[in-house]
N, C-alpha and C. Protein backbone atom coordinates (compact mmCIF):
# COMPACT_ATOMS: atom_id res chain seq x y z
N MET A 1 193.49 153.33 58.75
CA MET A 1 194.64 152.59 59.11
C MET A 1 194.42 151.15 58.74
N ALA A 2 195.19 150.76 57.88
CA ALA A 2 195.11 149.39 57.42
C ALA A 2 196.27 148.63 58.00
N GLY A 3 195.92 147.53 58.56
CA GLY A 3 196.95 146.71 59.17
C GLY A 3 197.41 145.62 58.23
N ASN A 4 198.62 145.46 58.15
CA ASN A 4 199.20 144.39 57.34
C ASN A 4 199.37 143.16 58.21
N ASN A 5 198.57 142.19 57.93
CA ASN A 5 198.71 140.94 58.67
C ASN A 5 199.51 139.98 57.82
N GLN A 6 200.59 139.66 58.33
CA GLN A 6 201.43 138.71 57.62
C GLN A 6 201.39 137.38 58.37
N THR A 7 201.13 136.36 57.61
CA THR A 7 201.12 135.03 58.19
C THR A 7 202.49 134.43 58.02
N VAL A 8 203.06 134.13 59.13
CA VAL A 8 204.39 133.55 59.10
C VAL A 8 204.24 132.07 59.43
N GLN A 9 204.70 131.28 58.51
CA GLN A 9 204.65 129.84 58.75
C GLN A 9 206.00 129.38 59.26
N LYS A 10 205.93 128.79 60.36
CA LYS A 10 207.16 128.26 60.93
C LYS A 10 207.17 126.76 60.69
N SER A 11 208.26 126.29 60.23
CA SER A 11 208.35 124.85 60.05
C SER A 11 208.77 124.24 61.39
N LYS A 12 207.96 123.31 61.78
CA LYS A 12 208.24 122.65 63.06
C LYS A 12 208.85 121.29 62.76
N LYS A 13 209.93 121.06 63.36
CA LYS A 13 210.57 119.74 63.25
C LYS A 13 210.18 118.93 64.46
N GLU A 14 209.70 117.75 64.17
CA GLU A 14 209.39 116.85 65.27
C GLU A 14 210.62 116.04 65.59
N GLU A 15 210.99 116.13 66.80
CA GLU A 15 212.15 115.37 67.23
C GLU A 15 211.67 114.16 68.03
N LYS A 16 212.14 113.05 67.61
CA LYS A 16 211.79 111.82 68.31
C LYS A 16 213.03 111.28 68.99
N GLU A 17 212.84 110.98 70.23
CA GLU A 17 213.93 110.37 70.99
C GLU A 17 213.45 109.04 71.53
N GLU A 18 214.25 108.05 71.35
CA GLU A 18 213.91 106.76 71.91
C GLU A 18 214.78 106.53 73.12
N MET A 19 214.12 106.12 74.18
CA MET A 19 214.84 105.86 75.41
C MET A 19 214.46 104.47 75.90
N LYS A 20 215.41 103.80 76.41
CA LYS A 20 215.15 102.50 77.00
C LYS A 20 215.25 102.66 78.52
N VAL A 21 214.18 102.32 79.18
CA VAL A 21 214.13 102.47 80.62
C VAL A 21 214.02 101.08 81.24
N GLU A 22 214.87 100.80 82.17
CA GLU A 22 214.86 99.52 82.85
C GLU A 22 214.65 99.76 84.34
N PHE A 23 213.80 98.92 84.91
CA PHE A 23 213.55 99.00 86.33
C PHE A 23 214.04 97.71 86.98
N THR A 24 214.67 97.86 88.08
CA THR A 24 215.09 96.70 88.86
C THR A 24 214.31 96.72 90.17
N VAL A 25 213.60 95.65 90.39
CA VAL A 25 212.81 95.56 91.61
C VAL A 25 213.43 94.50 92.50
N SER A 26 213.70 94.87 93.70
CA SER A 26 214.25 93.90 94.63
C SER A 26 213.40 93.85 95.88
N THR A 27 213.42 92.73 96.51
CA THR A 27 212.63 92.58 97.74
C THR A 27 213.50 92.72 98.98
N GLU A 28 214.75 93.13 98.76
CA GLU A 28 215.65 93.22 99.91
C GLU A 28 215.17 94.26 100.92
N GLY A 29 214.74 95.40 100.42
CA GLY A 29 214.32 96.47 101.31
C GLY A 29 212.91 96.30 101.81
N LYS A 30 212.17 95.42 101.20
CA LYS A 30 210.77 95.25 101.56
C LYS A 30 210.65 94.23 102.68
N GLU A 31 209.78 94.53 103.58
CA GLU A 31 209.52 93.59 104.66
C GLU A 31 208.22 92.86 104.36
N GLN A 32 208.27 91.57 104.49
CA GLN A 32 207.08 90.77 104.29
C GLN A 32 206.50 90.40 105.64
N ASP A 33 205.23 90.19 105.63
CA ASP A 33 204.55 89.76 106.83
C ASP A 33 205.14 88.42 107.28
N PRO A 34 205.61 88.32 108.51
CA PRO A 34 206.21 87.07 108.98
C PRO A 34 205.25 85.88 108.89
N LYS A 35 203.98 86.12 109.13
CA LYS A 35 203.00 85.03 109.05
C LYS A 35 202.87 84.54 107.61
N LEU A 36 202.89 85.48 106.66
CA LEU A 36 202.82 85.12 105.25
C LEU A 36 204.07 84.34 104.83
N GLN A 37 205.22 84.78 105.31
CA GLN A 37 206.47 84.07 105.01
C GLN A 37 206.41 82.63 105.53
N GLU A 38 205.91 82.47 106.74
CA GLU A 38 205.81 81.14 107.33
C GLU A 38 204.88 80.25 106.51
N LEU A 39 203.76 80.80 106.08
CA LEU A 39 202.83 80.03 105.26
C LEU A 39 203.46 79.62 103.94
N GLN A 40 204.20 80.54 103.33
CA GLN A 40 204.85 80.23 102.06
C GLN A 40 205.92 79.15 102.23
N LYS A 41 206.66 79.23 103.32
CA LYS A 41 207.69 78.22 103.57
C LYS A 41 207.08 76.84 103.79
N ARG A 42 206.00 76.81 104.56
CA ARG A 42 205.34 75.52 104.82
C ARG A 42 204.79 74.92 103.53
N ARG A 43 204.16 75.77 102.73
CA ARG A 43 203.60 75.28 101.47
C ARG A 43 204.71 74.75 100.57
N ALA A 44 205.82 75.46 100.50
CA ALA A 44 206.95 75.01 99.68
C ALA A 44 207.51 73.69 100.20
N THR A 45 207.59 73.55 101.51
CA THR A 45 208.08 72.31 102.12
C THR A 45 207.15 71.16 101.79
N TYR A 46 205.85 71.38 101.94
CA TYR A 46 204.88 70.31 101.64
C TYR A 46 204.92 69.92 100.16
N ARG A 47 205.07 70.92 99.31
CA ARG A 47 205.16 70.61 97.87
C ARG A 47 206.40 69.78 97.56
N ALA A 48 207.53 70.16 98.15
CA ALA A 48 208.78 69.42 97.92
C ALA A 48 208.66 67.99 98.44
N ASN A 49 208.08 67.84 99.63
CA ASN A 49 207.90 66.50 100.20
C ASN A 49 206.95 65.66 99.36
N LEU A 50 205.91 66.28 98.85
CA LEU A 50 204.97 65.57 97.98
C LEU A 50 205.66 65.11 96.70
N SER A 51 206.45 65.97 96.12
CA SER A 51 207.18 65.63 94.90
C SER A 51 208.15 64.47 95.15
N TYR A 52 208.84 64.52 96.28
CA TYR A 52 209.78 63.45 96.62
C TYR A 52 209.05 62.12 96.84
N ALA A 53 207.90 62.17 97.52
CA ALA A 53 207.13 60.95 97.77
C ALA A 53 206.65 60.32 96.46
N VAL A 54 206.26 61.14 95.51
CA VAL A 54 205.83 60.62 94.20
C VAL A 54 207.00 59.96 93.48
N GLN A 55 208.17 60.59 93.55
CA GLN A 55 209.38 60.01 92.93
C GLN A 55 209.72 58.67 93.56
N MET A 56 209.66 58.61 94.87
CA MET A 56 210.00 57.37 95.56
C MET A 56 208.96 56.28 95.26
N GLN A 57 207.71 56.66 95.17
CA GLN A 57 206.68 55.67 94.84
C GLN A 57 206.94 55.09 93.44
N ASP A 58 207.31 55.94 92.50
CA ASP A 58 207.63 55.46 91.15
C ASP A 58 208.83 54.50 91.19
N LYS A 59 209.84 54.87 91.99
CA LYS A 59 211.04 54.04 92.10
C LYS A 59 210.68 52.66 92.69
N TYR A 60 209.91 52.67 93.79
CA TYR A 60 209.54 51.41 94.43
C TYR A 60 208.61 50.57 93.56
N ALA A 61 207.79 51.23 92.76
CA ALA A 61 206.90 50.49 91.86
C ALA A 61 207.72 49.72 90.81
N VAL A 62 208.76 50.36 90.31
CA VAL A 62 209.63 49.70 89.34
C VAL A 62 210.37 48.53 90.01
N GLU A 63 210.89 48.78 91.21
CA GLU A 63 211.59 47.72 91.94
C GLU A 63 210.66 46.55 92.24
N TYR A 64 209.43 46.85 92.61
CA TYR A 64 208.45 45.81 92.93
C TYR A 64 208.14 44.97 91.69
N THR A 65 207.93 45.65 90.58
CA THR A 65 207.64 44.95 89.32
C THR A 65 208.80 44.05 88.92
N GLU A 66 210.02 44.59 89.05
CA GLU A 66 211.21 43.79 88.70
C GLU A 66 211.35 42.59 89.64
N ALA A 67 211.08 42.80 90.93
CA ALA A 67 211.19 41.71 91.90
C ALA A 67 210.15 40.62 91.62
N MET A 68 208.96 41.01 91.25
CA MET A 68 207.91 40.04 90.93
C MET A 68 208.28 39.23 89.68
N GLN A 69 208.84 39.92 88.69
CA GLN A 69 209.22 39.25 87.45
C GLN A 69 210.41 38.33 87.67
N ALA A 70 211.30 38.71 88.57
CA ALA A 70 212.50 37.92 88.82
C ALA A 70 212.22 36.78 89.81
N GLY A 71 211.05 36.78 90.38
CA GLY A 71 210.72 35.72 91.34
C GLY A 71 211.48 35.87 92.64
N ALA A 72 211.55 37.09 93.15
CA ALA A 72 212.28 37.36 94.39
C ALA A 72 211.58 36.68 95.57
N ASP A 73 212.32 36.56 96.67
CA ASP A 73 211.75 35.90 97.86
C ASP A 73 210.64 36.76 98.47
N GLN A 74 209.83 36.13 99.27
CA GLN A 74 208.64 36.79 99.82
C GLN A 74 208.99 37.97 100.72
N LEU A 75 210.11 37.88 101.45
CA LEU A 75 210.52 38.97 102.33
C LEU A 75 210.80 40.25 101.53
N THR A 76 211.49 40.11 100.41
CA THR A 76 211.79 41.27 99.55
C THR A 76 210.50 41.88 99.00
N ILE A 77 209.61 41.04 98.56
CA ILE A 77 208.35 41.52 98.01
C ILE A 77 207.53 42.23 99.09
N ASP A 78 207.51 41.67 100.29
CA ASP A 78 206.78 42.30 101.40
C ASP A 78 207.37 43.67 101.75
N LYS A 79 208.70 43.76 101.77
CA LYS A 79 209.36 45.04 102.06
C LYS A 79 208.97 46.09 101.02
N LEU A 80 208.98 45.69 99.75
CA LEU A 80 208.63 46.64 98.69
C LEU A 80 207.16 47.04 98.76
N GLU A 81 206.30 46.10 99.13
CA GLU A 81 204.88 46.43 99.29
C GLU A 81 204.68 47.44 100.42
N LEU A 82 205.43 47.25 101.51
CA LEU A 82 205.36 48.20 102.63
C LEU A 82 205.86 49.58 102.22
N LYS A 83 206.95 49.61 101.46
CA LYS A 83 207.48 50.89 101.00
C LYS A 83 206.49 51.60 100.09
N LEU A 84 205.84 50.84 99.21
CA LEU A 84 204.82 51.43 98.34
C LEU A 84 203.64 51.97 99.15
N ALA A 85 203.21 51.21 100.14
CA ALA A 85 202.10 51.66 100.98
C ALA A 85 202.49 52.92 101.76
N GLU A 86 203.73 52.95 102.25
CA GLU A 86 204.21 54.12 102.99
C GLU A 86 204.20 55.36 102.09
N GLN A 87 204.67 55.21 100.86
CA GLN A 87 204.71 56.35 99.94
C GLN A 87 203.30 56.82 99.59
N LYS A 88 202.39 55.88 99.47
CA LYS A 88 201.00 56.24 99.18
C LYS A 88 200.43 57.10 100.32
N LEU A 89 200.71 56.69 101.56
CA LEU A 89 200.27 57.47 102.71
C LEU A 89 200.92 58.85 102.75
N ARG A 90 202.20 58.89 102.44
CA ARG A 90 202.91 60.18 102.41
C ARG A 90 202.30 61.12 101.36
N ILE A 91 202.00 60.55 100.19
CA ILE A 91 201.43 61.36 99.11
C ILE A 91 200.08 61.93 99.55
N GLU A 92 199.24 61.10 100.14
CA GLU A 92 197.93 61.57 100.61
C GLU A 92 198.09 62.66 101.67
N PHE A 93 199.02 62.43 102.61
CA PHE A 93 199.24 63.38 103.69
C PHE A 93 199.72 64.73 103.15
N TYR A 94 200.77 64.71 102.32
CA TYR A 94 201.33 65.97 101.83
C TYR A 94 200.41 66.66 100.84
N ARG A 95 199.64 65.91 100.09
CA ARG A 95 198.66 66.53 99.18
C ARG A 95 197.61 67.28 100.00
N GLU A 96 197.14 66.65 101.06
CA GLU A 96 196.15 67.29 101.93
C GLU A 96 196.72 68.54 102.59
N LYS A 97 197.94 68.43 103.12
CA LYS A 97 198.57 69.56 103.79
C LYS A 97 198.85 70.70 102.81
N SER A 98 199.32 70.35 101.63
CA SER A 98 199.62 71.36 100.62
C SER A 98 198.36 72.14 100.24
N LEU A 99 197.26 71.43 100.06
CA LEU A 99 196.00 72.11 99.73
C LEU A 99 195.52 72.98 100.90
N LYS A 100 195.72 72.50 102.11
CA LYS A 100 195.30 73.26 103.29
C LYS A 100 196.04 74.59 103.35
N TRP A 101 197.34 74.56 103.15
CA TRP A 101 198.13 75.78 103.24
C TRP A 101 197.91 76.67 102.02
N LYS A 102 197.61 76.06 100.88
CA LYS A 102 197.33 76.85 99.69
C LYS A 102 196.09 77.71 99.90
N ARG A 103 195.08 77.17 100.57
CA ARG A 103 193.86 77.91 100.84
C ARG A 103 194.10 79.06 101.81
N LYS A 104 195.08 78.94 102.68
CA LYS A 104 195.35 79.97 103.66
C LYS A 104 196.13 81.15 103.08
N LEU A 105 196.86 80.91 101.99
CA LEU A 105 197.66 81.97 101.40
C LEU A 105 196.83 82.86 100.50
N PRO A 106 197.16 84.16 100.49
CA PRO A 106 196.48 85.04 99.52
C PRO A 106 196.99 84.73 98.12
N VAL A 107 196.19 85.02 97.13
CA VAL A 107 196.56 84.75 95.75
C VAL A 107 197.58 85.79 95.30
N THR A 108 198.81 85.34 95.02
CA THR A 108 199.87 86.25 94.56
C THR A 108 200.45 85.81 93.24
N GLU A 109 200.10 84.66 92.78
CA GLU A 109 200.71 84.13 91.56
C GLU A 109 199.83 84.37 90.38
């Protein structure tokens, strides 16, 4: 008994499909740790206050320079010096606070 082995070649077509998949991630359903939220809010507040203090210091520095060049009265110059000193203290305070809260937060960025 001889068996006839026939090799049948089937042509295989490769079908390629391209799909575009988009994911939308929202934090609405997710609950965050309230303590973590509080830390993030404080850090954001300190950063905003620090940024504002730097802007005001730049503004007062320009005003002080202009007042000195214009020969303004001593009272005006003293007021501007006080404002500059106040902004310097604010910058030091908020920089320190911002770094303090940054150390307390877990690294997420």
